[in-house]
Amino acid sequence: MRSMNIAATGMLAQQLNVEVISNNIANMNTTGFKRQRAEFQDLIYQNLERPGATTSDSGTIDPTGVQVGYGVKTGSVYRIAEQGSLTRTDNKYDMAINGRGYFQVLLPDGRTAYTRAGNFSSSATGQIVTGDGYVVQPEIQIPDGALDFSISPSGQVQAIISGQTAPQDLGQITLASFVNPAGLEALGDNLLVETAASGPATIGNPTGPGLGSINQNYVEASNVNPVFEISALIIAQRAYEMNSKVINASDEMMQATSQVLR
């Protein structure tokens, strides 16, 4: 019976849906995490009677036809780039983007990765780095004799140096934006890389056209809504159960048929 295979595709789809939801819930407290959502598409159809086919010699047309679907498949699992709330940390190296854009990070293999997680720190040489020690681009180095430093909303970094009255400019933090940020490929460790789907990165200063501002001493929290995720989990579980009942019903129908044939 076709219904068993159709229901099996439904169970597999809801299993993946639960996996996506569970990943969202697991990352509720991950800095800069963007929740994901699974989208599904129906599979191909068998046309037992094609819509619009002629039904008589007088030219009457079948208004609807008879089409039987073969189930469901995963169309996409995309990332929702909704702004997360900003949390104050009072760590001078922490930065949060209020608006669009990504921080740039230099990977050991020479590639540039992108992240919304601004929980940065300092290297042994004073460079601003991620928790894994990857240098934030453009490279900013805080001098050893700096008494304090500040990062403006537009990304300008200045430091107060011992023995100097005027602040010293250390550099400019830039942000990257993409036409389709949902097309970025996740590497883990809060890092994303450019793909053909995301389009090339457009680099600019914070507060520039299409880019957000930088908030020093803050980090961006995950945009996962626990209430929404639990509701989605319940719906996915119910859909899984209903598909399993279809398989049970199909099995009982096959048992009844085999008993008649005996």
Protein backbone atom coordinates (compact mmCIF):
# COMPACT_ATOMS: atom_id res chain seq x y z
CA MET A 1 0.00 0.00 0.00
CA ARG A 2 1.23 3.45 -0.98
CA SER A 3 0.03 4.96 2.28
CA MET A 4 2.75 3.23 4.32
CA ASN A 5 5.53 4.77 2.23
CA ILE A 6 3.82 8.17 2.30
CA ALA A 7 3.48 8.06 6.09
CA ALA A 8 7.12 6.98 6.38
CA THR A 9 8.21 10.14 4.57
CA GLY A 10 6.10 12.13 7.03
CA MET A 11 7.77 10.47 10.01
CA LEU A 12 11.23 11.13 8.59
CA ALA A 13 10.33 14.78 7.95
CA GLN A 14 9.06 15.28 11.51
CA GLN A 15 12.12 13.51 12.90
CA LEU A 16 14.32 16.09 11.15
CA ASN A 17 12.00 18.84 12.38
CA VAL A 18 12.49 17.68 15.97
CA GLU A 19 16.27 17.61 15.45
CA VAL A 20 16.24 21.23 14.24
CA ILE A 21 14.07 22.29 17.19
CA SER A 22 16.29 20.43 19.67
CA ASN A 23 19.37 22.20 18.26
CA ASN A 24 17.62 25.54 18.78
CA ILE A 25 16.76 24.67 22.38
CA ALA A 26 20.28 23.39 23.05
CA ASN A 27 21.67 26.77 21.91
CA MET A 28 19.29 28.96 23.92
CA ASN A 29 22.25 30.46 25.80
CA THR A 30 24.78 30.46 22.94
CA THR A 31 26.06 33.98 22.26
CA GLY A 32 24.93 35.29 18.87
CA PHE A 33 23.13 32.07 17.89
CA LYS A 34 20.40 32.37 15.25
CA ARG A 35 17.58 29.87 15.40
CA GLN A 36 16.75 27.65 12.44
CA ARG A 37 13.48 26.46 10.96
CA ALA A 38 12.78 23.43 8.77
CA GLU A 39 10.58 23.90 5.72
CA PHE A 40 8.99 21.03 3.80
CA GLN A 41 7.73 20.40 0.28
CA ASP A 42 5.33 17.83 -1.12
CA LEU A 43 6.76 15.10 -3.34
CA ILE A 44 5.77 14.25 -6.91
CA TYR A 45 2.22 13.24 -7.80
CA GLN A 46 0.78 10.39 -9.79
CA ASN A 47 -1.81 11.67 -12.25
CA LEU A 48 -4.57 9.06 -12.37
CA GLU A 49 -6.68 11.62 -14.23
CA ARG A 50 -4.99 14.78 -15.42
CA PRO A 51 -6.75 18.09 -14.65
CA GLY A 52 -8.07 19.67 -17.84
CA ALA A 53 -8.26 16.40 -19.73
CA THR A 54 -11.16 15.96 -22.16
CA THR A 55 -13.90 13.78 -20.65
CA SER A 56 -16.31 13.45 -23.60
CA ASP A 57 -16.64 13.84 -27.33
CA SER A 58 -18.50 17.10 -26.78
CA GLY A 59 -15.34 18.69 -25.33
CA THR A 60 -16.13 18.71 -21.60
CA ILE A 61 -13.06 19.07 -19.38
CA ASP A 62 -12.18 17.39 -16.11
CA PRO A 63 -12.16 20.33 -13.64
CA THR A 64 -9.91 18.81 -10.98
CA GLY A 65 -8.51 15.45 -12.08
CA VAL A 66 -7.21 12.78 -9.74
CA GLN A 67 -3.71 13.35 -8.38
CA VAL A 68 -2.21 11.20 -5.62
CA GLY A 69 0.81 12.58 -3.76
CA TYR A 70 3.80 10.50 -2.66
CA GLY A 71 4.55 12.28 0.61
CA VAL A 72 6.83 15.03 1.86
CA LYS A 73 10.50 16.00 1.71
CA THR A 74 12.71 18.57 3.41
CA GLY A 75 12.87 21.69 1.26
CA SER A 76 15.30 23.68 3.40
CA VAL A 77 16.53 24.39 6.90
CA TYR A 78 17.22 28.09 7.01
CA ARG A 79 18.66 30.44 9.59
CA ILE A 80 16.47 33.27 10.91
CA ALA A 81 18.65 36.38 11.32
CA GLU A 82 16.38 38.11 13.80
CA GLN A 83 18.11 40.41 16.30
CA GLY A 84 18.82 38.87 19.71
CA SER A 85 18.64 40.88 22.91
CA LEU A 86 21.77 42.70 24.09
CA THR A 87 23.21 41.68 27.45
CA ARG A 88 25.64 43.87 29.38
CA THR A 89 28.85 42.15 30.47
CA ASP A 90 31.13 45.08 31.45
CA ASN A 91 33.97 43.33 29.62
CA LYS A 92 35.81 45.94 27.55
CA TYR A 93 36.53 43.43 24.78
CA ASP A 94 32.89 42.33 24.36
CA MET A 95 30.97 43.81 21.43
CA ALA A 96 27.41 43.40 20.18
CA ILE A 97 26.04 44.41 16.79
CA ASN A 98 22.77 46.29 17.06
CA GLY A 99 21.38 45.78 13.57
CA ARG A 100 22.70 44.02 10.48
CA GLY A 101 26.25 42.82 9.94
CA TYR A 102 28.85 40.28 11.02
CA PHE A 103 32.26 40.48 12.65
CA GLN A 104 35.10 39.14 10.51
CA VAL A 105 37.45 36.47 11.85
CA LEU A 106 40.67 35.11 10.29
CA LEU A 107 40.78 31.31 10.35
CA PRO A 108 44.04 29.33 10.59
CA ASP A 109 43.66 28.18 6.95
CA GLY A 110 43.55 31.79 5.73
CA ARG A 111 39.82 31.97 5.10
CA THR A 112 37.62 34.69 6.56
CA ALA A 113 34.74 33.55 8.75
CA TYR A 114 31.85 35.64 10.03
CA THR A 115 30.15 35.72 13.40
CA ARG A 116 27.57 37.58 15.48
CA ALA A 117 29.19 36.36 18.71
CA GLY A 118 31.18 39.30 20.05
CA ASN A 119 32.43 37.70 23.27
CA PHE A 120 36.04 38.58 22.49
CA SER A 121 39.18 38.74 24.58
CA SER A 122 42.85 39.69 24.25
CA SER A 123 45.76 37.60 23.01
CA ALA A 124 49.20 37.61 24.63
CA THR A 125 50.23 40.36 22.21
CA GLY A 126 47.13 42.52 22.77
CA GLN A 127 45.17 41.52 19.67
CA ILE A 128 41.38 41.25 19.89
CA VAL A 129 40.57 37.56 19.40
CA THR A 130 37.68 35.11 19.68
CA GLY A 131 37.38 32.51 22.42
CA ASP A 132 39.35 30.11 20.19
CA GLY A 133 42.14 32.63 19.62
CA TYR A 134 41.18 33.59 16.06
CA VAL A 135 42.12 37.19 15.29
CA VAL A 136 39.25 39.60 14.62
CA GLN A 137 39.63 41.46 11.32
CA PRO A 138 40.75 44.15 10.70
CA GLU A 139 43.42 43.40 13.27
CA ILE A 140 43.28 45.67 16.32
CA GLN A 141 46.10 45.57 18.87
CA ILE A 142 45.77 47.19 22.29
CA PRO A 143 49.19 48.57 23.38
CA ASP A 144 50.76 47.17 26.51
CA GLY A 145 50.82 50.61 28.14
CA ALA A 146 47.14 51.35 27.53
CA LEU A 147 45.27 52.46 30.63
CA ASP A 148 41.89 52.09 28.96
CA PHE A 149 40.36 51.80 25.49
CA SER A 150 36.97 52.46 23.93
CA ILE A 151 35.06 51.37 20.83
CA SER A 152 32.60 53.85 19.37
CA PRO A 153 29.24 52.81 17.82
CA SER A 154 30.84 53.44 14.41
CA GLY A 155 33.71 51.04 15.20
CA GLN A 156 36.56 53.49 15.90
CA VAL A 157 38.96 52.13 18.53
CA GLN A 158 40.87 54.56 20.74
CA ALA A 159 43.13 54.01 23.75
CA ILE A 160 44.36 56.13 26.64
CA ILE A 161 48.13 55.63 26.82
CA SER A 162 50.14 56.29 29.96
CA GLY A 163 51.88 59.65 29.70
CA GLN A 164 49.69 60.92 26.84
CA THR A 165 46.82 63.37 27.22
CA ALA A 166 45.03 62.75 23.89
CA PRO A 167 43.49 59.37 23.02
CA GLN A 168 45.43 57.33 20.46
CA ASP A 169 43.61 55.92 17.43
CA LEU A 170 44.18 52.17 17.16
CA GLY A 171 42.12 51.35 14.10
CA GLN A 172 38.65 50.85 12.68
CA ILE A 173 36.45 47.79 13.14
CA THR A 174 34.44 46.97 10.02
CA LEU A 175 31.42 44.74 9.51
CA ALA A 176 30.39 42.44 6.68
CA SER A 177 26.90 42.13 5.24
CA PHE A 178 25.36 39.70 2.75
CA VAL A 179 22.47 39.86 0.33
CA ASN A 180 21.29 36.46 1.60
CA PRO A 181 22.67 35.82 5.11
CA ALA A 182 20.56 32.65 5.36
CA GLY A 183 22.86 31.18 2.68
CA LEU A 184 25.96 31.29 4.90
CA GLU A 185 27.43 27.90 5.81
CA ALA A 186 27.78 27.15 9.53
CA LEU A 187 31.13 25.74 10.67
CA GLY A 188 30.29 25.49 14.36
CA ASP A 189 32.07 27.52 17.06
CA ASN A 190 29.68 30.42 16.20
CA LEU A 191 31.39 30.82 12.81
CA LEU A 192 29.90 31.09 9.31
CA VAL A 193 31.56 31.18 5.90
CA GLU A 194 30.54 32.67 2.58
CA THR A 195 28.89 30.50 -0.08
CA ALA A 196 27.56 31.02 -3.59
CA ALA A 197 24.07 31.25 -2.05
CA SER A 198 24.98 34.02 0.41
CA GLY A 199 26.73 36.13 -2.19
CA PRO A 200 30.02 37.97 -1.59
CA ALA A 201 30.59 39.97 1.57
CA THR A 202 30.09 43.72 1.47
CA ILE A 203 32.44 45.42 3.93
CA GLY A 204 31.67 48.74 5.58
CA ASN A 205 31.96 50.73 8.78
CA PRO A 206 29.33 50.23 11.50
CA THR A 207 26.36 52.63 11.28
CA GLY A 208 26.97 52.81 7.52
CA PRO A 209 24.27 51.99 4.94
CA GLY A 210 22.67 48.64 5.78
CA LEU A 211 24.89 48.01 8.82
CA GLY A 212 24.22 48.16 12.55
CA SER A 213 26.15 49.90 15.29
CA ILE A 214 28.60 48.41 17.79
CA ASN A 215 27.82 48.33 21.51
CA GLN A 216 30.93 47.88 23.62
CA ASN A 217 30.58 45.98 26.93
CA TYR A 218 27.62 44.01 25.51
CA VAL A 219 27.04 40.67 23.79
CA GLU A 220 24.10 39.59 21.67
CA ALA A 221 22.06 36.75 23.17
CA SER A 222 20.54 33.90 21.18
CA ASN A 223 17.29 34.76 19.39
CA VAL A 224 15.70 31.42 20.39
CA ASN A 225 12.24 31.84 21.94
CA PRO A 226 11.74 28.88 24.35
CA VAL A 227 7.94 29.14 24.32
CA PHE A 228 7.82 29.09 20.52
CA GLU A 229 10.24 26.14 20.35
CA ILE A 230 8.29 24.05 22.88
CA SER A 231 5.06 24.73 20.96
CA ALA A 232 6.74 23.72 17.70
CA LEU A 233 8.09 20.59 19.39
CA ILE A 234 4.60 19.54 20.52
CA ILE A 235 3.21 20.08 17.00
CA ALA A 236 6.04 18.03 15.47
CA GLN A 237 5.49 15.23 17.97
CA ARG A 238 1.76 15.10 17.21
CA ALA A 239 2.43 15.03 13.47
CA TYR A 240 4.89 12.15 13.98
CA GLU A 241 2.30 10.22 16.00
CA MET A 242 -0.39 10.77 13.36
CA ASN A 243 1.89 9.46 10.61
CA SER A 244 2.67 6.40 12.72
CA LYS A 245 -1.08 5.79 13.11
CA VAL A 246 -1.44 5.87 9.33
CA ILE A 247 1.13 3.07 9.12
CA ASN A 248 -0.76 1.08 11.77
CA ALA A 249 -4.06 1.60 9.92
CA SER A 250 -2.48 0.53 6.62
CA ASP A 251 -1.07 -2.57 8.29
CA GLU A 252 -4.49 -3.50 9.70
CA MET A 253 -6.07 -3.03 6.25
CA MET A 254 -3.43 -5.30 4.72
CA GLN A 255 -4.11 -7.91 7.41
CA ALA A 256 -7.84 -7.77 6.65
CA THR A 257 -7.15 -8.15 2.93
CA SER A 258 -4.90 -11.16 3.47
CA GLN A 259 -7.56 -12.85 5.62
CA VAL A 260 -10.17 -12.38 2.88
CA LEU A 261 -7.81 -13.92 0.33
CA ARG A 262 -7.40 -17.01 2.50
